[in-house]
Amino acid sequence: MPTATWTPTPSLPPPPTATPLALGPEIGAAALIRSCQFYLEVANSAETRAVGLMNRESLGWDRGMLFVFEEEQVLGFWMKNTLIPLDIIFVNTGLKVVDVQTMRPEHEIAPDPLPIYTSAAPALYAIEINENVAAECGVEPGDTVELRNLMPDSTR
């Protein structure tokens, strides 16, 4: 099954070190939204998307996960086995934010059924970051996202 890819964006500031490996071997992408830059793990297979950020006890302010899908569609996420509250930013093929939501961890909702956080419009990407960071950065629908693949030969 082919994975979606993106073209590096030249205007995105370089990572703080010369090599992406210095950011940690798990970091595969960078995103710039407004004036905030995030270093992201990439989930671009059914297996990595299914695990996502499950069982993490913390996440750095500028860290997160980029979910890459094969085609643009209405996306739905839940917080099964997720320990920390997250913001999710849904992004379309034109790299425009189509929706921003805050997702509650499973332990804050249980025993109620877990909600599905559904994008307001079709999206190709979803970016999960710490709760309230999207608001701190002023991220809102219509914003442009610049994505940079830090490991272009990676097949993660």
Protein backbone atom coordinates (compact mmCIF):
# COMPACT_ATOMS: atom_id res chain seq x y z
CA MET A 1 0.00 0.00 0.00
CA PRO A 2 1.59 3.35 -0.98
CA THR A 3 2.01 6.01 1.67
CA ALA A 4 1.28 9.68 1.23
CA THR A 5 4.28 11.96 0.98
CA TRP A 6 4.74 15.69 0.92
CA THR A 7 7.18 18.06 -0.69
CA PRO A 8 9.65 19.79 1.63
CA THR A 9 8.80 23.45 2.12
CA PRO A 10 11.86 25.71 1.71
CA SER A 11 10.54 28.51 3.95
CA LEU A 12 10.31 26.28 7.03
CA PRO A 13 13.11 27.09 9.48
CA PRO A 14 15.69 24.32 9.81
CA PRO A 15 15.64 22.06 12.83
CA PRO A 16 17.72 23.26 15.78
CA THR A 17 20.52 20.85 14.88
CA ALA A 18 22.14 19.85 11.62
CA THR A 19 20.74 16.33 11.61
CA PRO A 20 17.21 15.09 12.32
CA LEU A 21 18.69 12.23 14.36
CA ALA A 22 19.79 14.77 16.98
CA LEU A 23 16.07 15.44 17.54
CA GLY A 24 15.61 11.75 18.29
CA PRO A 25 15.31 8.87 15.85
CA GLU A 26 11.53 8.97 16.09
CA ILE A 27 11.22 12.52 14.68
CA GLY A 28 10.43 12.40 10.96
CA ALA A 29 8.75 15.72 10.16
CA ALA A 30 8.52 19.35 11.15
CA ALA A 31 5.46 21.57 10.89
CA LEU A 32 5.20 25.34 11.05
CA ILE A 33 1.79 26.76 11.89
CA ARG A 34 1.67 30.50 12.38
CA SER A 35 4.82 31.17 14.42
CA CYS A 36 4.93 27.78 16.16
CA GLN A 37 7.16 24.96 14.98
CA PHE A 38 6.60 21.34 15.94
CA TYR A 39 8.80 18.27 15.56
CA LEU A 40 6.67 15.27 14.77
CA GLU A 41 6.78 11.53 14.77
CA VAL A 42 5.18 10.22 11.58
CA ALA A 43 2.37 7.68 11.52
CA ASN A 44 1.88 6.80 7.86
CA SER A 45 0.83 3.16 7.99
CA ALA A 46 -2.28 1.48 9.38
CA GLU A 47 -0.15 0.02 12.18
CA THR A 48 1.51 3.27 13.28
CA ARG A 49 -1.75 5.22 12.97
CA ALA A 50 -3.53 2.63 15.18
CA VAL A 51 -0.97 3.08 17.98
CA GLY A 52 -0.51 6.84 17.68
CA LEU A 53 0.38 8.45 21.00
CA MET A 54 -1.11 5.69 23.17
CA ASN A 55 0.40 5.11 26.61
CA ARG A 56 2.57 8.26 26.56
CA GLU A 57 2.85 9.95 29.92
CA SER A 58 4.14 13.24 28.53
CA LEU A 59 4.92 15.08 25.33
CA GLY A 60 7.27 18.04 24.88
CA TRP A 61 5.63 21.39 24.12
CA ASP A 62 7.00 21.41 20.55
CA ARG A 63 6.53 17.66 19.92
CA GLY A 64 3.66 15.68 18.47
CA MET A 65 2.60 13.20 15.84
CA LEU A 66 1.75 13.65 12.17
CA PHE A 67 -0.81 11.17 10.85
CA VAL A 68 -0.59 10.76 7.07
CA PHE A 69 -3.43 9.10 5.17
CA GLU A 70 -3.60 7.72 1.62
CA GLU A 71 -6.43 10.02 0.54
CA GLU A 72 -8.32 13.03 1.78
CA GLN A 73 -11.41 12.01 3.77
CA VAL A 74 -13.39 12.89 6.89
CA LEU A 75 -11.14 11.58 9.66
CA GLY A 76 -12.17 10.23 13.06
CA PHE A 77 -9.92 9.77 16.11
CA TRP A 78 -10.49 8.43 19.59
CA MET A 79 -8.39 8.45 22.74
CA LYS A 80 -8.25 4.74 23.58
CA ASN A 81 -5.28 4.08 25.93
CA THR A 82 -4.19 7.72 25.64
CA LEU A 83 -3.04 9.21 28.92
CA ILE A 84 -2.61 12.90 28.11
CA PRO A 85 -5.07 15.46 26.68
CA LEU A 86 -4.27 16.46 23.12
CA ASP A 87 -5.17 19.03 20.51
CA ILE A 88 -5.77 17.66 17.04
CA ILE A 89 -5.30 19.79 13.94
CA PHE A 90 -6.90 18.43 10.78
CA VAL A 91 -5.18 19.55 7.54
CA ASN A 92 -6.35 19.09 3.94
CA THR A 93 -4.35 18.33 0.79
CA GLY A 94 -3.86 22.07 0.22
CA LEU A 95 -2.13 22.23 3.64
CA LYS A 96 -4.94 24.34 5.10
CA VAL A 97 -6.26 23.73 8.60
CA VAL A 98 -9.86 22.53 8.31
CA ASP A 99 -10.56 21.90 12.01
CA VAL A 100 -8.98 22.10 15.47
CA GLN A 101 -10.30 20.16 18.48
CA THR A 102 -9.21 19.22 21.99
CA MET A 103 -9.42 15.53 22.83
CA ARG A 104 -9.85 14.18 26.37
CA PRO A 105 -7.92 11.09 27.55
CA GLU A 106 -9.80 7.87 28.13
CA HIS A 107 -9.44 7.95 31.93
CA GLU A 108 -11.20 11.36 32.08
CA ILE A 109 -14.22 10.03 30.16
CA ALA A 110 -14.57 6.40 31.29
CA PRO A 111 -16.88 4.62 31.91
CA ASP A 112 -18.80 6.56 29.26
CA PRO A 113 -18.28 5.48 25.67
CA LEU A 114 -15.24 7.11 24.11
CA PRO A 115 -16.17 9.92 21.74
CA ILE A 116 -14.96 9.97 18.16
CA TYR A 117 -13.36 13.31 17.28
CA THR A 118 -14.37 13.79 13.64
CA SER A 119 -12.89 16.38 11.29
CA ALA A 120 -15.32 19.10 10.18
CA ALA A 121 -14.13 18.64 6.58
CA PRO A 122 -12.07 16.11 4.62
CA ALA A 123 -8.41 16.01 5.63
CA LEU A 124 -5.27 14.20 4.49
CA TYR A 125 -3.25 14.87 7.64
CA ALA A 126 -3.87 15.14 11.37
CA ILE A 127 -1.39 16.63 13.81
CA GLU A 128 -1.64 15.78 17.50
CA ILE A 129 0.05 18.11 19.99
CA ASN A 130 -0.39 18.88 23.69
CA GLU A 131 -3.70 20.28 24.88
CA ASN A 132 -4.02 24.09 24.64
CA VAL A 133 -0.92 24.48 22.45
CA ALA A 134 -3.03 25.07 19.33
CA ALA A 135 -4.85 27.89 21.15
CA GLU A 136 -1.56 29.32 22.47
CA CYS A 137 -0.31 29.41 18.87
CA GLY A 138 -3.59 30.89 17.60
CA VAL A 139 -4.18 27.97 15.21
CA GLU A 140 -7.58 28.12 13.52
CA PRO A 141 -9.30 26.85 10.39
CA GLY A 142 -7.92 28.49 7.26
CA ASP A 143 -4.34 28.71 8.55
CA THR A 144 -1.62 27.35 6.28
CA VAL A 145 0.59 24.54 7.53
CA GLU A 146 4.13 24.15 6.24
CA LEU A 147 5.34 20.56 6.42
CA ARG A 148 8.91 19.43 6.07
CA ASN A 149 9.88 15.79 5.75
CA LEU A 150 13.07 15.43 7.79
CA MET A 151 13.68 11.85 6.69
CA PRO A 152 12.68 11.65 3.02
CA ASP A 153 14.08 8.15 2.51
CA SER A 154 12.30 6.79 5.59
CA THR A 155 9.71 4.09 5.02
CA ARG A 156 8.34 4.14 8.55
